Amino acid sequence: MKLQKGFTLIELLITVAIVGILASIVVPSYQDYVTRGKVAEGTATLADARVKMEQYFQDNRTYAGADAAVGPCPANTPNFSYACSNLDATNYTITATGLRDIADFSYSIDQANTKSSNTRWGNGATCWIMIKNGTC
């Protein structure tokens, strides 16, 4: 009898099919995982900026002048651009807008700690949507 070495074509096709099925499950899950990590950066920066705005208010008794040049408005990061608006004596709004692959994500917070979000996963008028199922 002749000793067979190597794999048959059927064995290789089955292996390729199994790897393809696993990849079709794993790749989207990984992409969502990476997106959730980027979103967490944006919301954490907004929460930190809110604390700094309140400290600025305690020192100055106004939110006016709290822009990025002299105040606590956060600087842009690789994943989000930040903007402080409606800066007056008693009001402010900080908005984080996603860049590149998360460009359709936007989060905001104001002086009353009112959070809102506009994402591909859903929109929240009173909360930040941070997971794919669209819940806060």
Protein backbone atom coordinates (compact mmCIF):
# COMPACT_ATOMS: atom_id res chain seq x y z
CA MET A 1 0.00 0.00 0.00
CA LYS A 2 1.03 3.53 -0.78
CA LEU A 3 1.24 5.97 2.18
CA GLN A 4 -0.80 9.15 1.55
CA LYS A 5 0.71 12.49 2.61
CA GLY A 6 -0.96 15.90 2.68
CA PHE A 7 -4.58 17.01 2.57
CA THR A 8 -7.32 16.27 0.11
CA LEU A 9 -9.12 19.04 -1.74
CA ILE A 10 -12.31 18.37 0.23
CA GLU A 11 -10.48 18.76 3.55
CA LEU A 12 -9.04 22.09 2.42
CA LEU A 13 -12.43 23.35 1.21
CA ILE A 14 -14.08 22.44 4.51
CA THR A 15 -11.33 24.25 6.43
CA VAL A 16 -11.69 27.37 4.27
CA ALA A 17 -15.47 27.33 4.72
CA ILE A 18 -15.16 27.08 8.52
CA VAL A 19 -12.64 29.94 8.64
CA GLY A 20 -14.93 32.05 6.43
CA ILE A 21 -17.93 31.46 8.67
CA LEU A 22 -15.95 32.33 11.79
CA ALA A 23 -14.56 35.49 10.15
CA SER A 24 -18.05 36.64 9.15
CA ILE A 25 -19.02 36.53 12.83
CA VAL A 26 -15.83 37.85 14.41
CA VAL A 27 -15.01 40.84 12.17
CA PRO A 28 -18.28 42.80 12.73
CA SER A 29 -18.11 42.10 16.47
CA TYR A 30 -14.55 43.42 16.59
CA GLN A 31 -15.52 46.54 14.64
CA ASP A 32 -18.33 47.26 17.12
CA TYR A 33 -15.91 46.72 19.99
CA VAL A 34 -13.46 49.26 18.53
CA THR A 35 -16.28 51.76 17.92
CA ARG A 36 -17.51 51.42 21.51
CA GLY A 37 -13.98 52.16 22.71
CA LYS A 38 -13.82 55.33 20.64
CA VAL A 39 -17.27 56.43 21.84
CA ALA A 40 -16.17 55.96 25.45
CA GLU A 41 -13.30 58.39 24.81
CA GLY A 42 -15.71 61.06 23.59
CA THR A 43 -18.21 60.72 26.42
CA ALA A 44 -15.49 60.57 29.08
CA THR A 45 -13.96 63.76 27.70
CA LEU A 46 -17.37 65.46 27.78
CA ALA A 47 -17.95 64.40 31.40
CA ASP A 48 -14.50 65.71 32.35
CA ALA A 49 -15.13 68.96 30.49
CA ARG A 50 -18.40 69.44 32.38
CA VAL A 51 -16.56 69.20 35.70
CA LYS A 52 -13.98 71.72 34.48
CA MET A 53 -16.72 74.08 33.31
CA GLU A 54 -18.28 73.98 36.77
CA GLN A 55 -14.89 74.72 38.32
CA TYR A 56 -14.50 77.62 35.88
CA PHE A 57 -17.93 78.90 36.91
CA GLN A 58 -17.01 78.69 40.61
CA ASP A 59 -13.90 80.79 39.95
CA ASN A 60 -15.46 83.34 37.57
CA ARG A 61 -19.22 83.28 38.31
CA THR A 62 -19.86 82.99 34.58
CA TYR A 63 -19.36 80.51 31.75
CA ALA A 64 -18.58 83.34 29.33
CA GLY A 65 -14.97 83.19 28.17
CA ALA A 66 -14.63 79.46 28.81
CA ASP A 67 -13.55 78.73 25.24
CA ALA A 68 -10.64 76.53 24.22
CA ALA A 69 -8.15 79.41 24.23
CA VAL A 70 -8.51 80.39 27.90
CA GLY A 71 -11.01 78.03 29.47
CA PRO A 72 -11.83 74.39 30.00
CA CYS A 73 -13.30 73.62 26.58
CA PRO A 74 -11.58 70.34 25.58
CA ALA A 75 -9.05 70.15 22.78
CA ASN A 76 -9.69 67.93 19.77
CA THR A 77 -8.57 64.31 19.90
CA PRO A 78 -7.87 61.86 17.07
CA ASN A 79 -11.45 60.52 17.27
CA PHE A 80 -13.53 63.59 18.20
CA SER A 81 -13.64 67.32 17.67
CA TYR A 82 -15.08 69.38 20.52
CA ALA A 83 -16.92 72.67 20.45
CA CYS A 84 -18.18 74.88 23.27
CA SER A 85 -21.18 77.00 22.37
CA ASN A 86 -23.91 79.10 23.99
CA LEU A 87 -21.32 80.46 26.42
CA ASP A 88 -22.90 83.17 28.52
CA ALA A 89 -23.31 83.94 32.21
CA THR A 90 -25.43 80.89 33.02
CA ASN A 91 -25.36 78.53 30.02
CA TYR A 92 -23.03 76.41 27.94
CA THR A 93 -23.17 73.44 25.60
CA ILE A 94 -20.23 71.17 24.79
CA THR A 95 -20.51 69.02 21.69
CA ALA A 96 -18.30 66.11 20.64
CA THR A 97 -18.47 65.25 16.94
CA GLY A 98 -16.90 62.03 15.70
CA LEU A 99 -14.20 62.00 13.04
CA ARG A 100 -13.41 59.53 10.24
CA ASP A 101 -15.07 56.14 10.83
CA ILE A 102 -17.28 57.49 13.63
CA ALA A 103 -18.29 60.69 11.84
CA ASP A 104 -21.96 59.82 12.34
CA PHE A 105 -21.62 60.00 16.15
CA SER A 106 -22.34 63.23 18.02
CA TYR A 107 -22.70 63.78 21.76
CA SER A 108 -23.47 66.90 23.79
CA ILE A 109 -23.89 68.05 27.38
CA ASP A 110 -24.97 71.35 28.91
CA GLN A 111 -24.89 73.20 32.24
CA ALA A 112 -27.90 71.25 33.54
CA ASN A 113 -26.16 67.92 32.80
CA THR A 114 -28.61 67.28 29.97
CA LYS A 115 -27.03 64.70 27.71
CA SER A 116 -28.00 64.05 24.10
CA SER A 117 -26.66 61.85 21.35
CA ASN A 118 -27.08 61.31 17.66
CA THR A 119 -25.56 58.02 16.49
CA ARG A 120 -25.97 55.30 13.89
CA TRP A 121 -27.17 53.13 16.77
CA GLY A 122 -30.00 55.48 17.71
CA ASN A 123 -30.67 58.95 19.05
CA GLY A 124 -31.02 59.92 22.68
CA ALA A 125 -32.61 63.22 23.68
CA THR A 126 -31.81 62.69 27.35
CA CYS A 127 -28.90 60.25 27.33
CA TRP A 128 -25.79 59.07 25.52
CA ILE A 129 -26.29 56.03 23.27
CA MET A 130 -23.10 54.00 23.72
CA ILE A 131 -24.03 50.48 22.62
CA LYS A 132 -25.34 49.03 19.39
CA ASN A 133 -28.85 48.15 20.58
CA GLY A 134 -29.66 51.86 21.01
CA THR A 135 -30.26 51.90 24.74
CA CYS A 136 -28.70 54.33 27.18
